[in-house]
Amino acid sequence: MGAMRPDQNFNGNPIIRLRSVSFNFYEGQSNNSAIIRAGIVDLSFETKSEVNLQFKVPYMWINGNFGKTSGIGDISLSATKEIADISDYKLLATMGAKIPTGHSDLKQQSHDVVLPMYYQVSLGTYDLVLGSSLINREWLFSVGYQQPIIHQNENSFGADPVEWGWYPGPGGFDYVQKHDEAVDLRRGADIMIRIERNFRLSRLNFNFGILPIYRITKDQGKDETGEYQKLPGTTGLALSALAGVGYRFNIFSSLKLIYGQKITDRDYNPDGLTRKHVLNLSYNYNF
């Protein structure tokens, strides 16, 4: 038994080992017609120095009045480490990045025109992500910062609104004229705060919270001369309410459902990426 059992595997002391894998289904409703869905694979690893590494890759499907798109979305990478114990709380810090998988220039196939940003599977930017959280069994307080660093967004939706004269429905030509400032858009930086209360039973748990996201720098779009100008109304608060439920089948596997509902939004979103509500269902397996 134990250390004396025969035919043991020798693995040495691995530098990195897989700790968990999660399969997620996401659905979001835009302020316009489009429904955004994604299947996400989320892998978590742990290093010898007790740093948690996370790798996320989504496959996205978007369907709306203008057409359909699909493809691999932006990849997320992060490293998280516990840095302190404060009373009953743990203090965690995260550094990460979002890596684009495209240039945000997918087209409407029938008419060969570039679709709006909310039809794109990639944001077309390399982003820096920094964050920290204070957590115990009942409460989670977290703050995050996201800054686009390298812009390769080549979305030209609305550059020539006349191209959209073929679309007869509401939100067609008029919508294009209203949102033409999204051409080669440069997004501003965001600060996020999450406050969440958890109620835990033996296998079941519930959580409720709020998620304010504040854009602290203005988006920038090109003017008639091709120069970038700051767009008024693009800073401000977007606030959502969150609710979730989780069930643990055993020590290895669990199921989670999270719902988010928009409460307030910024005055102007030139990229049209606002969500009325989102739904996320995930299955997690721990090793």
Protein backbone atom coordinates (compact mmCIF):
# COMPACT_ATOMS: atom_id res chain seq x y z
CA MET A 1 0.00 0.00 0.00
CA GLY A 2 0.95 3.61 -0.31
CA ALA A 3 4.60 4.18 -1.07
CA MET A 4 5.16 0.40 -1.11
CA ARG A 5 2.65 -0.47 -3.86
CA PRO A 6 4.03 -2.06 -7.06
CA ASP A 7 4.25 -0.63 -10.60
CA GLN A 8 4.05 3.04 -9.60
CA ASN A 9 4.20 5.81 -12.17
CA PHE A 10 7.13 8.18 -11.76
CA ASN A 11 6.18 11.77 -12.66
CA GLY A 12 8.91 13.61 -10.85
CA ASN A 13 7.82 17.07 -9.66
CA PRO A 14 6.06 18.80 -12.58
CA ILE A 15 6.71 22.51 -13.02
CA ILE A 16 3.13 23.06 -14.27
CA ARG A 17 0.11 20.85 -13.76
CA LEU A 18 -3.48 21.07 -14.94
CA ARG A 19 -5.82 21.91 -12.05
CA SER A 20 -9.21 22.36 -13.71
CA VAL A 21 -11.01 22.55 -17.04
CA SER A 22 -14.26 24.39 -17.61
CA PHE A 23 -16.68 24.29 -20.54
CA ASN A 24 -18.89 27.37 -20.83
CA PHE A 25 -21.86 28.41 -22.91
CA TYR A 26 -22.46 32.17 -23.18
CA GLU A 27 -25.39 34.06 -24.68
CA GLY A 28 -25.83 37.82 -24.85
CA GLN A 29 -28.50 40.11 -26.33
CA SER A 30 -27.19 43.27 -27.98
CA ASN A 31 -29.10 46.55 -27.95
CA ASN A 32 -29.85 45.85 -31.61
CA SER A 33 -31.03 42.65 -33.28
CA ALA A 34 -27.98 40.45 -32.83
CA ILE A 35 -27.76 37.48 -30.47
CA ILE A 36 -24.18 36.66 -29.48
CA ARG A 37 -23.37 33.07 -28.43
CA ALA A 38 -20.05 31.48 -27.52
CA GLY A 39 -18.65 28.14 -26.43
CA ILE A 40 -15.61 28.73 -24.20
CA VAL A 41 -12.89 26.34 -23.05
CA ASP A 42 -11.25 27.57 -19.83
CA LEU A 43 -8.09 25.80 -18.60
CA SER A 44 -6.46 26.45 -15.21
CA PHE A 45 -2.88 25.39 -14.37
CA GLU A 46 -0.77 25.70 -11.21
CA THR A 47 2.99 26.20 -11.10
CA LYS A 48 5.50 25.06 -8.45
CA SER A 49 5.51 28.63 -7.12
CA GLU A 50 1.70 28.43 -6.57
CA VAL A 51 0.85 30.79 -9.42
CA ASN A 52 -2.45 30.01 -11.12
CA LEU A 53 -2.31 30.27 -14.92
CA GLN A 54 -5.53 30.61 -16.90
CA PHE A 55 -6.09 30.11 -20.64
CA LYS A 56 -9.46 30.86 -22.26
CA VAL A 57 -10.48 30.50 -25.89
CA PRO A 58 -14.03 31.08 -27.21
CA TYR A 59 -15.74 30.01 -30.40
CA MET A 60 -18.43 32.55 -31.26
CA TRP A 61 -21.67 32.63 -33.26
CA ILE A 62 -23.50 35.90 -33.98
CA ASN A 63 -26.90 36.04 -35.64
CA GLY A 64 -28.95 39.15 -36.40
CA ASN A 65 -30.83 41.17 -39.01
CA PHE A 66 -27.64 41.91 -41.00
CA GLY A 67 -26.55 38.25 -41.23
CA LYS A 68 -24.47 35.62 -39.45
CA THR A 69 -20.80 35.31 -38.46
CA SER A 70 -18.79 32.74 -36.54
CA GLY A 71 -15.19 31.95 -35.62
CA ILE A 72 -12.60 31.70 -32.87
CA GLY A 73 -12.74 34.72 -30.57
CA ASP A 74 -9.99 36.57 -28.70
CA ILE A 75 -7.75 34.45 -26.45
CA SER A 76 -7.35 35.40 -22.79
CA LEU A 77 -4.24 34.64 -20.70
CA SER A 78 -3.65 35.45 -17.03
CA ALA A 79 -1.47 34.68 -14.01
CA THR A 80 -2.90 34.93 -10.46
CA LYS A 81 -1.15 34.61 -7.11
CA GLU A 82 -2.25 34.90 -3.49
CA ILE A 83 -0.24 37.73 -1.96
CA ALA A 84 -1.64 38.06 1.58
CA ASP A 85 -4.02 36.77 4.25
CA ILE A 86 -6.02 39.57 5.87
CA SER A 87 -8.13 38.37 8.79
CA ASP A 88 -10.47 35.78 7.20
CA TYR A 89 -9.84 37.10 3.69
CA LYS A 90 -7.35 36.20 0.98
CA LEU A 91 -5.86 38.92 -1.22
CA LEU A 92 -5.19 37.85 -4.82
CA ALA A 93 -3.49 39.70 -7.68
CA THR A 94 -3.80 39.05 -11.42
CA MET A 95 -1.88 40.13 -14.52
CA GLY A 96 -3.16 39.12 -17.93
CA ALA A 97 -3.68 39.90 -21.58
CA LYS A 98 -6.25 39.54 -24.32
CA ILE A 99 -4.84 38.43 -27.68
CA PRO A 100 -6.84 39.16 -30.86
CA THR A 101 -7.49 36.40 -33.38
CA GLY A 102 -8.59 38.74 -36.18
CA HIS A 103 -8.93 42.29 -37.46
CA SER A 104 -12.66 42.84 -36.80
CA ASP A 105 -13.44 43.06 -40.51
CA LEU A 106 -15.82 40.14 -41.16
CA LYS A 107 -18.26 40.94 -43.98
CA GLN A 108 -21.91 40.45 -44.88
CA GLN A 109 -21.52 37.74 -47.46
CA SER A 110 -24.33 38.65 -49.85
CA HIS A 111 -23.33 42.30 -50.30
CA ASP A 112 -19.59 42.22 -49.38
CA VAL A 113 -19.79 45.02 -46.80
CA VAL A 114 -18.04 45.02 -43.40
CA LEU A 115 -20.38 44.26 -40.51
CA PRO A 116 -20.67 46.29 -37.26
CA MET A 117 -18.40 45.52 -34.30
CA TYR A 118 -21.08 43.53 -32.49
CA TYR A 119 -21.02 41.01 -35.37
CA GLN A 120 -17.24 40.54 -35.08
CA VAL A 121 -15.67 37.60 -33.25
CA SER A 122 -12.56 39.64 -32.34
CA LEU A 123 -12.11 43.14 -30.91
CA GLY A 124 -8.90 43.51 -32.93
CA THR A 125 -6.78 44.81 -30.02
CA TYR A 126 -4.04 43.54 -27.73
CA ASP A 127 -5.19 44.43 -24.21
CA LEU A 128 -3.41 44.57 -20.86
CA VAL A 129 -5.51 43.35 -17.91
CA LEU A 130 -4.66 43.98 -14.23
CA GLY A 131 -6.77 43.03 -11.23
CA SER A 132 -7.02 42.22 -7.56
CA SER A 133 -9.61 40.63 -5.28
CA LEU A 134 -10.35 40.25 -1.59
CA ILE A 135 -12.31 37.06 -0.94
CA ASN A 136 -13.66 34.86 1.84
CA ARG A 137 -16.43 32.25 2.04
CA GLU A 138 -19.25 34.80 1.82
CA TRP A 139 -17.88 37.91 0.08
CA LEU A 140 -15.92 38.84 -3.03
CA PHE A 141 -14.61 42.35 -3.66
CA SER A 142 -12.58 42.79 -6.85
CA VAL A 143 -11.25 45.56 -9.04
CA GLY A 144 -9.86 45.33 -12.56
CA TYR A 145 -8.27 47.51 -15.22
CA GLN A 146 -8.26 46.87 -18.99
CA GLN A 147 -6.18 48.93 -21.40
CA PRO A 148 -5.95 48.39 -25.17
CA ILE A 149 -2.24 48.53 -26.04
CA ILE A 150 -1.93 47.64 -29.73
CA HIS A 151 -4.78 48.43 -32.13
CA GLN A 152 -5.16 46.37 -35.29
CA ASN A 153 -8.91 46.92 -35.55
CA GLU A 154 -9.62 47.29 -39.25
CA ASN A 155 -13.40 47.53 -38.97
CA SER A 156 -14.65 49.91 -41.67
CA PHE A 157 -18.37 49.60 -40.97
CA GLY A 158 -20.07 52.84 -42.00
CA ALA A 159 -17.10 54.25 -43.91
CA ASP A 160 -19.39 54.46 -46.94
CA PRO A 161 -23.02 54.40 -45.69
CA VAL A 162 -24.31 54.31 -49.28
CA GLU A 163 -23.17 50.66 -49.41
CA TRP A 164 -25.98 49.87 -46.97
CA GLY A 165 -28.76 51.32 -49.10
CA TRP A 166 -29.85 47.76 -49.93
CA TYR A 167 -31.01 47.09 -46.35
CA PRO A 168 -34.75 47.91 -46.05
CA GLY A 169 -35.37 47.10 -42.40
CA PRO A 170 -35.29 49.37 -39.32
CA GLY A 171 -31.78 50.10 -38.16
CA GLY A 172 -30.38 49.84 -41.69
CA PHE A 173 -29.13 52.91 -43.54
CA ASP A 174 -30.04 55.28 -40.68
CA TYR A 175 -28.20 53.05 -38.22
CA VAL A 176 -25.08 53.06 -40.40
CA GLN A 177 -25.09 56.85 -40.60
CA LYS A 178 -25.47 57.10 -36.81
CA HIS A 179 -22.62 54.69 -36.03
CA ASP A 180 -20.03 55.57 -38.66
CA GLU A 181 -17.67 56.82 -35.94
CA ALA A 182 -16.81 53.17 -35.22
CA VAL A 183 -14.54 53.13 -38.29
CA ASP A 184 -11.02 52.10 -37.11
CA LEU A 185 -12.19 52.75 -33.55
CA ARG A 186 -9.69 52.97 -30.70
CA ARG A 187 -11.38 51.92 -27.45
CA GLY A 188 -10.69 53.69 -24.18
CA ALA A 189 -9.55 52.13 -20.90
CA ASP A 190 -11.98 50.56 -18.42
CA ILE A 191 -12.04 50.11 -14.64
CA MET A 192 -14.23 47.31 -13.26
CA ILE A 193 -15.49 46.71 -9.71
CA ARG A 194 -17.33 43.55 -8.65
CA ILE A 195 -19.12 43.17 -5.31
CA GLU A 196 -20.64 39.74 -4.70
CA ARG A 197 -22.34 38.01 -1.76
CA ASN A 198 -22.35 34.20 -1.63
CA PHE A 199 -24.72 31.92 0.28
CA ARG A 200 -23.25 28.41 0.55
CA LEU A 201 -24.93 25.12 1.49
CA SER A 202 -23.35 21.67 1.42
CA ARG A 203 -23.65 21.24 -2.36
CA LEU A 204 -25.64 24.28 -3.47
CA ASN A 205 -24.67 27.94 -3.49
CA PHE A 206 -26.28 31.21 -4.57
CA ASN A 207 -24.67 34.58 -5.26
CA PHE A 208 -25.85 38.11 -5.97
CA GLY A 209 -23.82 41.14 -6.90
CA ILE A 210 -23.26 44.28 -8.93
CA LEU A 211 -20.74 44.98 -11.68
CA PRO A 212 -19.97 48.63 -12.44
CA ILE A 213 -17.60 49.24 -15.37
CA TYR A 214 -16.36 52.79 -15.86
CA ARG A 215 -14.66 53.91 -19.08
CA ILE A 216 -12.12 56.42 -17.87
CA THR A 217 -10.69 57.56 -21.22
CA LYS A 218 -12.63 58.49 -24.34
CA ASP A 219 -12.86 56.30 -27.43
CA GLN A 220 -11.16 57.75 -30.48
CA GLY A 221 -12.42 57.73 -34.06
CA LYS A 222 -11.19 59.16 -37.34
CA ASP A 223 -12.59 62.43 -38.68
CA GLU A 224 -13.00 63.49 -42.32
CA THR A 225 -9.25 64.12 -42.66
CA GLY A 226 -8.30 60.68 -41.34
CA GLU A 227 -7.04 62.03 -38.00
CA TYR A 228 -8.07 60.50 -34.69
CA GLN A 229 -10.34 62.60 -32.48
CA LYS A 230 -11.74 61.90 -29.01
CA LEU A 231 -15.46 61.08 -29.15
CA PRO A 232 -17.72 62.92 -26.67
CA GLY A 233 -20.02 60.86 -24.45
CA THR A 234 -17.89 57.69 -24.58
CA THR A 235 -16.71 57.84 -20.96
CA GLY A 236 -18.92 57.00 -18.00
CA LEU A 237 -20.59 54.18 -16.12
CA ALA A 238 -22.12 50.93 -17.34
CA LEU A 239 -23.79 49.10 -14.42
CA SER A 240 -25.12 45.53 -14.34
CA ALA A 241 -26.80 43.37 -11.71
CA LEU A 242 -25.63 39.76 -11.35
CA ALA A 243 -27.20 36.60 -9.95
CA GLY A 244 -25.90 33.05 -9.98
CA VAL A 245 -26.43 29.52 -8.70
CA GLY A 246 -23.97 26.65 -8.46
CA TYR A 247 -24.21 22.95 -7.69
CA ARG A 248 -21.30 20.68 -6.74
CA PHE A 249 -21.83 17.04 -7.71
CA ASN A 250 -18.70 15.88 -5.87
CA ILE A 251 -15.19 17.13 -5.10
CA PHE A 252 -14.31 16.96 -8.80
CA SER A 253 -17.21 18.41 -10.77
CA SER A 254 -19.66 21.30 -10.51
CA LEU A 255 -22.20 23.25 -12.56
CA LYS A 256 -22.72 27.04 -12.48
CA LEU A 257 -25.29 29.41 -13.98
CA ILE A 258 -24.80 33.21 -14.01
CA TYR A 259 -27.22 35.88 -15.27
CA GLY A 260 -26.39 39.55 -15.80
CA GLN A 261 -28.89 42.36 -16.45
CA LYS A 262 -27.95 45.84 -17.67
CA ILE A 263 -29.12 48.67 -15.37
CA THR A 264 -27.42 51.75 -16.83
CA ASP A 265 -25.11 52.44 -19.76
CA ARG A 266 -22.80 55.15 -21.08
CA ASP A 267 -24.26 58.00 -23.12
CA TYR A 268 -22.69 56.79 -26.36
CA ASN A 269 -21.20 53.46 -27.48
CA PRO A 270 -19.90 53.85 -31.03
CA ASP A 271 -19.00 50.15 -31.29
CA GLY A 272 -22.52 48.97 -30.35
CA LEU A 273 -21.09 46.32 -27.99
CA THR A 274 -23.57 46.95 -25.16
CA ARG A 275 -25.47 43.89 -23.90
CA LYS A 276 -29.03 44.09 -22.55
CA HIS A 277 -28.46 40.86 -20.65
CA VAL A 278 -26.06 37.91 -20.60
CA LEU A 279 -26.35 34.27 -19.56
CA ASN A 280 -23.42 31.97 -18.79
CA LEU A 281 -23.66 28.23 -18.07
CA SER A 282 -20.47 26.35 -17.16
CA TYR A 283 -19.37 22.86 -16.20
CA ASN A 284 -16.14 22.63 -14.21
CA TYR A 285 -13.95 19.59 -13.53
CA ASN A 286 -11.11 19.70 -10.97
CA PHE A 287 -8.08 17.42 -11.12
